[in-house]
């Protein structure tokens, strides 16, 4: 958790829950109000980067799509390269591909083959840890590049969903827990 004692409370107060989106029974956590508050957005990205300041991070993987919003400023905080991890058909050059299950379907992620390599130390950024399927796909992508995954950081931990099982042994840091 963050060293900013009021950040979790401020995030909890700001993040909205939208019932039955994107399908009935899902309670979607809408982080866009965080983006509307420049000071809170800065505190959030600073807190996401803080636990990794001395971890030797060379690359930040921003997971499509909401991970992009947090990954880019975290990469800047850490002085690291930004690697977009995209849905299929979005990257123009040779790609590595991983499929995964999520809480309401299946999907695929890709990164450029030359985005990471041996000796690189990566941090993956996303908005929410839920089932862990998306993050686990990123773990597999990083392993295939020969780089080292230092860990995964996310704004939200949905503690009632099984992401911990999918990410067993992977260091994770989150800012607010539901």
N, C-alpha and C. Protein backbone atom coordinates (compact mmCIF):
# COMPACT_ATOMS: atom_id res chain seq x y z
N UNK A 1 0.83 -1.19 0.00
CA UNK A 1 0.00 0.00 0.00
C UNK A 1 0.87 1.25 0.00
N UNK A 2 0.28 2.35 -0.36
CA UNK A 2 0.98 3.62 -0.52
C UNK A 2 1.48 4.20 0.80
N UNK A 3 2.57 4.95 0.71
CA UNK A 3 3.06 5.67 1.88
C UNK A 3 2.28 6.96 2.11
N UNK A 4 1.42 7.33 1.17
CA UNK A 4 0.54 8.51 1.31
C UNK A 4 -0.68 8.05 2.13
N UNK A 5 -0.76 8.47 3.40
CA UNK A 5 -1.79 7.92 4.30
C UNK A 5 -3.23 8.20 3.88
N UNK A 6 -3.46 9.22 3.10
CA UNK A 6 -4.84 9.55 2.72
C UNK A 6 -5.18 9.11 1.30
N UNK A 7 -4.20 8.60 0.56
CA UNK A 7 -4.45 8.28 -0.85
C UNK A 7 -5.53 7.21 -1.01
N UNK A 8 -5.46 6.13 -0.27
CA UNK A 8 -6.46 5.06 -0.43
C UNK A 8 -7.87 5.59 -0.17
N UNK A 9 -8.02 6.40 0.86
CA UNK A 9 -9.34 6.97 1.16
C UNK A 9 -9.79 7.90 0.05
N UNK A 10 -8.87 8.72 -0.46
CA UNK A 10 -9.23 9.64 -1.54
C UNK A 10 -9.61 8.88 -2.81
N UNK A 11 -8.88 7.81 -3.11
CA UNK A 11 -9.20 7.00 -4.29
C UNK A 11 -10.55 6.30 -4.11
N UNK A 12 -10.77 5.73 -2.94
CA UNK A 12 -12.04 5.04 -2.68
C UNK A 12 -13.22 6.00 -2.82
N UNK A 13 -13.04 7.21 -2.36
CA UNK A 13 -14.10 8.22 -2.45
C UNK A 13 -14.32 8.68 -3.90
N UNK A 14 -13.27 8.64 -4.72
CA UNK A 14 -13.32 9.18 -6.07
C UNK A 14 -13.72 8.15 -7.13
N UNK A 15 -13.23 6.93 -6.99
CA UNK A 15 -13.54 5.87 -7.96
C UNK A 15 -15.03 5.52 -7.85
N UNK A 16 -15.70 5.50 -8.97
CA UNK A 16 -17.13 5.19 -9.00
C UNK A 16 -17.37 3.73 -9.32
N UNK A 17 -18.42 3.17 -8.76
CA UNK A 17 -18.83 1.80 -9.09
C UNK A 17 -20.05 1.89 -10.00
N UNK A 18 -19.95 1.26 -11.17
CA UNK A 18 -21.03 1.25 -12.14
C UNK A 18 -21.59 -0.17 -12.19
N UNK A 19 -22.82 -0.34 -11.75
CA UNK A 19 -23.44 -1.66 -11.71
C UNK A 19 -23.80 -2.16 -13.10
N UNK A 20 -23.66 -3.46 -13.28
CA UNK A 20 -24.07 -4.16 -14.50
C UNK A 20 -23.35 -3.66 -15.75
N UNK A 21 -22.08 -3.30 -15.60
CA UNK A 21 -21.26 -2.91 -16.75
C UNK A 21 -19.96 -3.69 -16.69
N UNK A 22 -19.53 -4.29 -17.76
CA UNK A 22 -20.03 -4.29 -19.13
C UNK A 22 -21.11 -5.33 -19.39
N UNK A 23 -21.46 -6.09 -18.35
CA UNK A 23 -22.55 -7.05 -18.48
C UNK A 23 -23.25 -7.16 -17.13
N UNK A 24 -24.46 -7.70 -17.11
CA UNK A 24 -25.19 -7.84 -15.84
C UNK A 24 -24.38 -8.62 -14.80
N UNK A 25 -24.42 -8.12 -13.57
CA UNK A 25 -23.73 -8.78 -12.47
C UNK A 25 -22.33 -8.26 -12.19
N UNK A 26 -21.76 -7.49 -13.11
CA UNK A 26 -20.42 -6.95 -12.93
C UNK A 26 -20.53 -5.56 -12.32
N UNK A 27 -19.73 -5.30 -11.30
CA UNK A 27 -19.64 -3.96 -10.69
C UNK A 27 -18.33 -3.34 -11.15
N UNK A 28 -18.40 -2.53 -12.19
CA UNK A 28 -17.24 -1.93 -12.84
C UNK A 28 -16.70 -0.78 -12.01
N UNK A 29 -15.38 -0.75 -11.82
CA UNK A 29 -14.73 0.35 -11.10
C UNK A 29 -14.27 1.38 -12.12
N UNK A 30 -14.90 2.53 -12.11
CA UNK A 30 -14.63 3.61 -13.06
C UNK A 30 -13.59 4.55 -12.49
N UNK A 31 -12.37 4.51 -13.07
CA UNK A 31 -11.27 5.33 -12.58
C UNK A 31 -11.22 6.70 -13.26
N UNK A 32 -12.10 6.98 -14.21
CA UNK A 32 -12.01 8.26 -14.92
C UNK A 32 -12.14 9.47 -14.00
N UNK A 33 -12.90 9.42 -12.88
CA UNK A 33 -12.90 10.59 -12.00
C UNK A 33 -11.51 10.89 -11.40
N UNK A 34 -10.67 9.88 -11.24
CA UNK A 34 -9.30 10.10 -10.78
C UNK A 34 -8.54 10.93 -11.81
N UNK A 35 -8.78 10.64 -13.09
CA UNK A 35 -8.10 11.35 -14.17
C UNK A 35 -8.56 12.80 -14.27
N UNK A 36 -9.77 13.08 -13.79
CA UNK A 36 -10.33 14.44 -13.84
C UNK A 36 -9.75 15.34 -12.75
N UNK A 37 -9.05 14.76 -11.80
CA UNK A 37 -8.47 15.50 -10.68
C UNK A 37 -6.95 15.47 -10.83
N UNK A 38 -6.34 16.50 -11.42
CA UNK A 38 -4.90 16.47 -11.70
C UNK A 38 -4.03 16.16 -10.48
N UNK A 39 -4.37 16.72 -9.33
CA UNK A 39 -3.56 16.47 -8.13
C UNK A 39 -3.67 15.01 -7.68
N UNK A 40 -4.88 14.45 -7.71
CA UNK A 40 -5.07 13.05 -7.32
C UNK A 40 -4.42 12.11 -8.33
N UNK A 41 -4.52 12.44 -9.60
CA UNK A 41 -3.88 11.62 -10.64
C UNK A 41 -2.36 11.59 -10.42
N UNK A 42 -1.76 12.74 -10.14
CA UNK A 42 -0.33 12.80 -9.87
C UNK A 42 0.04 12.01 -8.62
N UNK A 43 -0.74 12.15 -7.56
CA UNK A 43 -0.48 11.37 -6.34
C UNK A 43 -0.57 9.88 -6.63
N UNK A 44 -1.52 9.49 -7.47
CA UNK A 44 -1.72 8.08 -7.80
C UNK A 44 -0.52 7.54 -8.57
N UNK A 45 -0.08 8.23 -9.61
CA UNK A 45 1.04 7.72 -10.40
C UNK A 45 2.34 7.76 -9.60
N UNK A 46 2.49 8.76 -8.75
CA UNK A 46 3.67 8.82 -7.88
C UNK A 46 3.68 7.63 -6.92
N UNK A 47 2.52 7.31 -6.35
CA UNK A 47 2.42 6.17 -5.43
C UNK A 47 2.61 4.84 -6.14
N UNK A 48 2.15 4.72 -7.38
CA UNK A 48 2.38 3.48 -8.14
C UNK A 48 3.87 3.27 -8.38
N UNK A 49 4.60 4.34 -8.65
CA UNK A 49 6.03 4.24 -8.94
C UNK A 49 6.88 4.05 -7.68
N UNK A 50 6.45 4.60 -6.56
CA UNK A 50 7.28 4.68 -5.34
C UNK A 50 7.90 3.35 -4.89
N UNK A 51 7.14 2.25 -4.84
CA UNK A 51 7.75 1.01 -4.33
C UNK A 51 8.84 0.44 -5.25
N UNK A 52 8.94 0.97 -6.45
CA UNK A 52 9.84 0.42 -7.46
C UNK A 52 11.04 1.33 -7.74
N UNK A 53 11.16 2.43 -6.99
CA UNK A 53 12.21 3.42 -7.25
C UNK A 53 13.61 2.81 -7.24
N UNK A 54 13.87 1.87 -6.36
CA UNK A 54 15.20 1.28 -6.27
C UNK A 54 15.26 -0.13 -6.85
N UNK A 55 14.28 -0.49 -7.67
CA UNK A 55 14.20 -1.85 -8.21
C UNK A 55 14.90 -2.01 -9.55
N UNK A 56 15.52 -0.95 -10.05
CA UNK A 56 16.24 -1.04 -11.32
C UNK A 56 15.35 -1.24 -12.53
N UNK A 57 14.15 -0.68 -12.49
CA UNK A 57 13.20 -0.84 -13.59
C UNK A 57 13.73 -0.13 -14.83
N UNK A 58 13.82 -0.87 -15.95
CA UNK A 58 14.25 -0.29 -17.22
C UNK A 58 13.08 -0.09 -18.18
N UNK A 59 12.00 -0.85 -17.98
CA UNK A 59 10.85 -0.80 -18.88
C UNK A 59 9.56 -0.92 -18.07
N UNK A 60 8.58 -0.08 -18.41
CA UNK A 60 7.25 -0.17 -17.83
C UNK A 60 6.31 -0.65 -18.92
N UNK A 61 5.61 -1.75 -18.64
CA UNK A 61 4.63 -2.29 -19.57
C UNK A 61 3.27 -1.75 -19.19
N UNK A 62 2.67 -0.98 -20.09
CA UNK A 62 1.35 -0.39 -19.87
C UNK A 62 0.33 -1.27 -20.58
N UNK A 63 -0.56 -1.87 -19.78
CA UNK A 63 -1.51 -2.84 -20.31
C UNK A 63 -2.75 -2.14 -20.83
N UNK A 64 -3.11 -2.43 -22.08
CA UNK A 64 -4.29 -1.83 -22.71
C UNK A 64 -5.55 -2.21 -21.95
N UNK A 65 -6.43 -1.32 -21.79
CA UNK A 65 -6.32 0.05 -22.25
C UNK A 65 -6.12 1.02 -21.09
N UNK A 66 -6.73 0.73 -19.95
CA UNK A 66 -6.63 1.70 -18.85
C UNK A 66 -5.25 1.69 -18.20
N UNK A 67 -4.48 0.65 -18.39
CA UNK A 67 -3.10 0.65 -17.90
C UNK A 67 -2.25 1.67 -18.62
N UNK A 68 -2.64 2.03 -19.86
CA UNK A 68 -1.92 3.08 -20.59
C UNK A 68 -1.94 4.40 -19.81
N UNK A 69 -3.10 4.69 -19.22
CA UNK A 69 -3.29 5.97 -18.54
C UNK A 69 -2.34 6.13 -17.36
N UNK A 70 -2.04 5.03 -16.68
CA UNK A 70 -1.17 5.07 -15.51
C UNK A 70 0.27 4.68 -15.87
N UNK A 71 0.44 3.83 -16.85
CA UNK A 71 1.78 3.34 -17.20
C UNK A 71 2.71 4.40 -17.72
N UNK A 72 2.21 5.30 -18.57
CA UNK A 72 3.08 6.33 -19.15
C UNK A 72 3.67 7.25 -18.07
N UNK A 73 2.86 7.81 -17.18
CA UNK A 73 3.47 8.66 -16.15
C UNK A 73 4.34 7.87 -15.18
N UNK A 74 4.02 6.62 -14.90
CA UNK A 74 4.87 5.81 -14.02
C UNK A 74 6.23 5.60 -14.69
N UNK A 75 6.24 5.34 -15.99
CA UNK A 75 7.52 5.20 -16.71
C UNK A 75 8.34 6.48 -16.57
N UNK A 76 7.69 7.63 -16.70
CA UNK A 76 8.41 8.89 -16.53
C UNK A 76 8.94 9.05 -15.11
N UNK A 77 8.15 8.71 -14.11
CA UNK A 77 8.61 8.78 -12.71
C UNK A 77 9.86 7.92 -12.51
N UNK A 78 9.90 6.76 -13.17
CA UNK A 78 10.99 5.81 -12.97
C UNK A 78 12.15 6.01 -13.95
N UNK A 79 11.99 6.91 -14.92
CA UNK A 79 13.02 7.09 -15.93
C UNK A 79 13.20 5.86 -16.79
N UNK A 80 12.10 5.18 -17.06
CA UNK A 80 12.11 3.91 -17.79
C UNK A 80 11.44 4.04 -19.15
N UNK A 81 11.75 3.11 -20.03
CA UNK A 81 11.09 3.03 -21.34
C UNK A 81 9.64 2.57 -21.13
N UNK A 82 8.77 3.00 -22.03
CA UNK A 82 7.36 2.59 -21.99
C UNK A 82 7.10 1.56 -23.08
N UNK A 83 6.51 0.43 -22.69
CA UNK A 83 6.16 -0.64 -23.63
C UNK A 83 4.64 -0.79 -23.63
N UNK A 84 3.98 -0.41 -24.72
CA UNK A 84 2.54 -0.66 -24.79
C UNK A 84 2.26 -2.14 -25.00
N UNK A 85 1.38 -2.69 -24.19
CA UNK A 85 0.92 -4.07 -24.33
C UNK A 85 -0.51 -3.95 -24.84
N UNK A 86 -0.71 -4.37 -26.11
CA UNK A 86 -1.94 -4.04 -26.84
C UNK A 86 -2.82 -5.25 -27.12
N UNK A 87 -4.06 -4.96 -27.48
CA UNK A 87 -4.97 -5.97 -28.01
C UNK A 87 -4.53 -6.28 -29.45
N UNK A 88 -4.96 -7.41 -30.00
CA UNK A 88 -4.51 -7.82 -31.35
C UNK A 88 -4.81 -6.78 -32.43
N UNK A 89 -3.88 -6.69 -33.38
CA UNK A 89 -4.08 -5.85 -34.56
C UNK A 89 -3.71 -4.39 -34.36
N UNK A 90 -3.13 -4.03 -33.23
CA UNK A 90 -2.81 -2.63 -32.95
C UNK A 90 -1.33 -2.29 -33.14
N UNK A 91 -0.47 -3.29 -33.09
CA UNK A 91 0.97 -3.07 -33.21
C UNK A 91 1.44 -3.39 -34.62
N UNK A 92 2.27 -2.53 -35.23
CA UNK A 92 2.58 -2.67 -36.65
C UNK A 92 3.72 -3.62 -37.01
N UNK A 93 4.53 -4.04 -36.03
CA UNK A 93 5.70 -4.87 -36.35
C UNK A 93 5.56 -6.25 -35.73
N UNK A 94 6.60 -7.05 -35.86
CA UNK A 94 6.60 -8.42 -35.32
C UNK A 94 6.22 -8.38 -33.84
N UNK A 95 5.34 -9.31 -33.44
CA UNK A 95 4.76 -9.30 -32.10
C UNK A 95 4.86 -10.67 -31.43
N UNK A 96 4.88 -10.62 -30.09
CA UNK A 96 4.63 -11.80 -29.27
C UNK A 96 3.19 -11.72 -28.82
N UNK A 97 2.50 -12.86 -28.76
CA UNK A 97 1.07 -12.89 -28.46
C UNK A 97 0.79 -13.86 -27.32
N UNK A 98 -0.09 -13.46 -26.41
CA UNK A 98 -0.55 -14.31 -25.31
C UNK A 98 -2.05 -14.16 -25.15
N UNK A 99 -2.75 -15.30 -25.07
CA UNK A 99 -4.19 -15.27 -24.80
C UNK A 99 -4.42 -15.52 -23.32
N UNK A 100 -5.57 -15.07 -22.82
CA UNK A 100 -5.88 -15.19 -21.40
C UNK A 100 -7.38 -15.14 -21.17
N UNK A 101 -7.78 -15.58 -19.97
CA UNK A 101 -9.18 -15.51 -19.56
C UNK A 101 -9.33 -14.32 -18.63
N UNK A 102 -10.47 -13.65 -18.69
CA UNK A 102 -10.78 -12.59 -17.75
C UNK A 102 -12.15 -12.83 -17.15
N UNK A 103 -12.57 -11.95 -16.25
CA UNK A 103 -13.77 -12.24 -15.48
C UNK A 103 -15.04 -12.36 -16.32
N UNK A 104 -15.02 -11.85 -17.57
CA UNK A 104 -16.23 -11.94 -18.39
C UNK A 104 -15.90 -12.28 -19.84
N UNK A 105 -14.92 -13.19 -20.07
CA UNK A 105 -14.61 -13.64 -21.42
C UNK A 105 -13.15 -14.01 -21.58
N UNK A 106 -12.68 -13.98 -22.82
CA UNK A 106 -11.28 -14.24 -23.13
C UNK A 106 -10.76 -13.12 -24.03
N UNK A 107 -9.44 -12.97 -24.06
CA UNK A 107 -8.84 -11.95 -24.90
C UNK A 107 -7.39 -12.31 -25.18
N UNK A 108 -6.70 -11.45 -25.90
CA UNK A 108 -5.31 -11.66 -26.28
C UNK A 108 -4.55 -10.35 -26.12
N UNK A 109 -3.30 -10.44 -25.72
CA UNK A 109 -2.42 -9.29 -25.62
C UNK A 109 -1.18 -9.51 -26.48
N UNK A 110 -0.59 -8.40 -26.94
CA UNK A 110 0.61 -8.46 -27.76
C UNK A 110 1.59 -7.37 -27.35
N UNK A 111 2.86 -7.65 -27.57
CA UNK A 111 3.89 -6.61 -27.47
C UNK A 111 4.87 -6.85 -28.62
N UNK A 112 5.59 -5.81 -28.99
CA UNK A 112 6.59 -5.98 -30.05
C UNK A 112 7.68 -6.94 -29.59
N UNK A 113 8.13 -7.78 -30.49
CA UNK A 113 9.16 -8.78 -30.21
C UNK A 113 10.42 -8.11 -29.65
N UNK A 114 10.75 -6.93 -30.15
CA UNK A 114 11.99 -6.26 -29.75
C UNK A 114 11.80 -5.27 -28.60
N UNK A 115 10.65 -5.30 -27.92
CA UNK A 115 10.38 -4.34 -26.86
C UNK A 115 11.22 -4.58 -25.61
N UNK A 116 11.54 -5.83 -25.34
CA UNK A 116 12.28 -6.23 -24.15
C UNK A 116 13.28 -7.31 -24.52
N UNK A 117 14.31 -7.43 -23.71
CA UNK A 117 15.28 -8.49 -23.93
C UNK A 117 16.04 -8.82 -22.66
N UNK A 118 16.97 -9.75 -22.78
CA UNK A 118 17.79 -10.16 -21.63
C UNK A 118 18.46 -8.93 -21.04
N UNK A 119 18.47 -8.86 -19.72
CA UNK A 119 19.07 -7.73 -19.03
C UNK A 119 18.08 -6.63 -18.70
N UNK A 120 16.91 -6.63 -19.33
CA UNK A 120 15.89 -5.64 -19.02
C UNK A 120 15.12 -6.06 -17.78
N UNK A 121 14.66 -5.09 -17.04
CA UNK A 121 13.89 -5.33 -15.81
C UNK A 121 12.58 -4.57 -15.94
N UNK A 122 11.47 -5.29 -15.96
CA UNK A 122 10.18 -4.73 -16.31
C UNK A 122 9.23 -4.65 -15.12
N UNK A 123 8.37 -3.64 -15.19
CA UNK A 123 7.27 -3.46 -14.26
C UNK A 123 6.00 -3.34 -15.10
N UNK A 124 4.99 -4.15 -14.80
CA UNK A 124 3.71 -4.07 -15.51
C UNK A 124 2.75 -3.20 -14.71
N UNK A 125 2.01 -2.35 -15.42
CA UNK A 125 1.05 -1.44 -14.79
C UNK A 125 -0.34 -1.67 -15.39
N UNK A 126 -1.32 -1.79 -14.50
CA UNK A 126 -2.71 -1.86 -14.93
C UNK A 126 -3.56 -1.09 -13.94
N UNK A 127 -4.83 -0.94 -14.25
CA UNK A 127 -5.71 -0.22 -13.34
C UNK A 127 -6.27 -1.13 -12.26
N UNK A 128 -6.62 -2.38 -12.62
CA UNK A 128 -7.30 -3.29 -11.69
C UNK A 128 -6.70 -4.68 -11.75
N UNK A 129 -6.51 -5.30 -10.59
CA UNK A 129 -6.22 -6.73 -10.51
C UNK A 129 -7.52 -7.41 -10.11
N UNK A 130 -8.02 -8.27 -10.99
CA UNK A 130 -9.30 -8.95 -10.76
C UNK A 130 -9.08 -10.46 -10.77
N UNK A 131 -9.22 -11.09 -11.93
CA UNK A 131 -8.97 -12.54 -11.99
C UNK A 131 -7.49 -12.84 -12.11
N UNK A 132 -6.71 -11.87 -12.55
CA UNK A 132 -5.28 -12.06 -12.75
C UNK A 132 -4.92 -12.59 -14.12
N UNK A 133 -5.91 -12.84 -14.95
CA UNK A 133 -5.65 -13.39 -16.28
C UNK A 133 -4.84 -12.47 -17.17
N UNK A 134 -5.18 -11.19 -17.17
CA UNK A 134 -4.45 -10.22 -17.98
C UNK A 134 -3.01 -10.11 -17.50
N UNK A 135 -2.83 -9.94 -16.20
CA UNK A 135 -1.48 -9.80 -15.64
C UNK A 135 -0.67 -11.08 -15.86
N UNK A 136 -1.29 -12.25 -15.72
CA UNK A 136 -0.58 -13.50 -15.94
C UNK A 136 -0.11 -13.62 -17.39
N UNK A 137 -0.92 -13.11 -18.33
CA UNK A 137 -0.50 -13.11 -19.74
C UNK A 137 0.73 -12.22 -19.92
N UNK A 138 0.78 -11.10 -19.22
CA UNK A 138 1.95 -10.22 -19.28
C UNK A 138 3.17 -10.91 -18.66
N UNK A 139 2.98 -11.63 -17.58
CA UNK A 139 4.07 -12.40 -16.97
C UNK A 139 4.66 -13.36 -18.00
N UNK A 140 3.79 -14.05 -18.73
CA UNK A 140 4.26 -15.00 -19.75
C UNK A 140 4.95 -14.28 -20.91
N UNK A 141 4.40 -13.13 -21.33
CA UNK A 141 5.04 -12.35 -22.40
C UNK A 141 6.46 -11.94 -22.00
N UNK A 142 6.61 -11.40 -20.81
CA UNK A 142 7.93 -10.96 -20.35
C UNK A 142 8.89 -12.13 -20.29
N UNK A 143 8.45 -13.27 -19.79
CA UNK A 143 9.32 -14.45 -19.71
C UNK A 143 9.81 -14.86 -21.10
N UNK A 144 8.95 -14.76 -22.08
CA UNK A 144 9.33 -15.15 -23.44
C UNK A 144 10.36 -14.21 -24.05
N UNK A 145 10.47 -12.98 -23.56
CA UNK A 145 11.44 -12.02 -24.11
C UNK A 145 12.83 -12.21 -23.52
N UNK A 146 12.92 -12.93 -22.40
CA UNK A 146 14.20 -13.08 -21.71
C UNK A 146 14.44 -12.01 -20.67
N UNK A 147 13.54 -11.04 -20.56
CA UNK A 147 13.65 -9.99 -19.55
C UNK A 147 13.19 -10.53 -18.20
N UNK A 148 13.42 -9.75 -17.16
CA UNK A 148 12.98 -10.09 -15.81
C UNK A 148 11.80 -9.22 -15.44
N UNK A 149 10.75 -9.83 -14.91
CA UNK A 149 9.61 -9.07 -14.43
C UNK A 149 9.82 -8.79 -12.94
N UNK A 150 10.00 -7.52 -12.59
CA UNK A 150 10.16 -7.14 -11.18
C UNK A 150 8.83 -7.27 -10.44
N UNK A 151 7.73 -6.98 -11.13
CA UNK A 151 6.43 -7.09 -10.50
C UNK A 151 5.34 -6.38 -11.28
N UNK A 152 4.21 -6.28 -10.61
CA UNK A 152 3.01 -5.69 -11.21
C UNK A 152 2.45 -4.68 -10.21
N UNK A 153 2.09 -3.51 -10.71
CA UNK A 153 1.45 -2.49 -9.89
C UNK A 153 0.10 -2.14 -10.50
N UNK A 154 -0.88 -1.94 -9.64
CA UNK A 154 -2.22 -1.58 -10.09
C UNK A 154 -2.85 -0.62 -9.10
N UNK A 155 -3.77 0.15 -9.57
CA UNK A 155 -4.48 1.08 -8.71
C UNK A 155 -5.40 0.31 -7.77
N UNK A 156 -6.17 -0.65 -8.32
CA UNK A 156 -7.23 -1.32 -7.58
C UNK A 156 -6.95 -2.81 -7.43
N UNK A 157 -7.19 -3.32 -6.23
CA UNK A 157 -7.13 -4.74 -5.90
C UNK A 157 -8.56 -5.18 -5.59
N UNK A 158 -9.13 -6.00 -6.46
CA UNK A 158 -10.44 -6.57 -6.17
C UNK A 158 -10.20 -7.85 -5.38
N UNK A 159 -10.11 -7.72 -4.06
CA UNK A 159 -9.66 -8.81 -3.20
C UNK A 159 -10.61 -10.00 -3.18
N UNK A 160 -11.84 -9.81 -3.60
CA UNK A 160 -12.81 -10.90 -3.62
C UNK A 160 -12.70 -11.76 -4.88
N UNK A 161 -11.83 -11.38 -5.81
CA UNK A 161 -11.59 -12.16 -7.02
C UNK A 161 -10.22 -12.84 -6.93
N UNK A 162 -10.00 -13.91 -7.71
CA UNK A 162 -8.84 -14.79 -7.49
C UNK A 162 -7.52 -14.38 -8.15
N UNK A 163 -7.21 -13.11 -8.27
CA UNK A 163 -5.98 -12.72 -8.95
C UNK A 163 -4.73 -13.23 -8.25
N UNK A 164 -4.77 -13.38 -6.92
CA UNK A 164 -3.58 -13.85 -6.19
C UNK A 164 -3.16 -15.25 -6.63
N UNK A 165 -4.12 -16.09 -6.94
CA UNK A 165 -3.81 -17.45 -7.41
C UNK A 165 -3.09 -17.40 -8.75
N UNK A 166 -3.56 -16.57 -9.66
CA UNK A 166 -2.95 -16.46 -11.00
C UNK A 166 -1.57 -15.84 -10.95
N UNK A 167 -1.29 -15.04 -9.91
CA UNK A 167 -0.02 -14.31 -9.82
C UNK A 167 0.84 -14.79 -8.66
N UNK A 168 0.65 -16.03 -8.24
CA UNK A 168 1.42 -16.60 -7.14
C UNK A 168 2.91 -16.42 -7.41
N UNK A 169 3.61 -15.85 -6.45
CA UNK A 169 5.05 -15.67 -6.58
C UNK A 169 5.48 -14.39 -7.29
N UNK A 170 4.52 -13.62 -7.78
CA UNK A 170 4.83 -12.35 -8.46
C UNK A 170 4.59 -11.21 -7.47
N UNK A 171 5.58 -10.34 -7.31
CA UNK A 171 5.39 -9.19 -6.43
C UNK A 171 4.33 -8.27 -7.02
N UNK A 172 3.35 -7.92 -6.19
CA UNK A 172 2.29 -7.01 -6.61
C UNK A 172 2.15 -5.89 -5.60
N UNK A 173 1.87 -4.71 -6.11
CA UNK A 173 1.63 -3.53 -5.27
C UNK A 173 0.36 -2.86 -5.79
N UNK A 174 -0.57 -2.59 -4.88
CA UNK A 174 -1.81 -1.91 -5.25
C UNK A 174 -2.05 -0.75 -4.29
N UNK A 175 -2.95 0.14 -4.68
CA UNK A 175 -3.21 1.33 -3.88
C UNK A 175 -4.50 1.30 -3.09
N UNK A 176 -5.51 0.62 -3.59
CA UNK A 176 -6.81 0.57 -2.90
C UNK A 176 -7.40 -0.82 -3.10
N UNK A 177 -8.01 -1.31 -2.04
CA UNK A 177 -8.58 -2.68 -2.04
C UNK A 177 -10.09 -2.61 -1.85
N UNK A 178 -10.78 -3.40 -2.67
CA UNK A 178 -12.25 -3.55 -2.54
C UNK A 178 -12.54 -4.99 -2.20
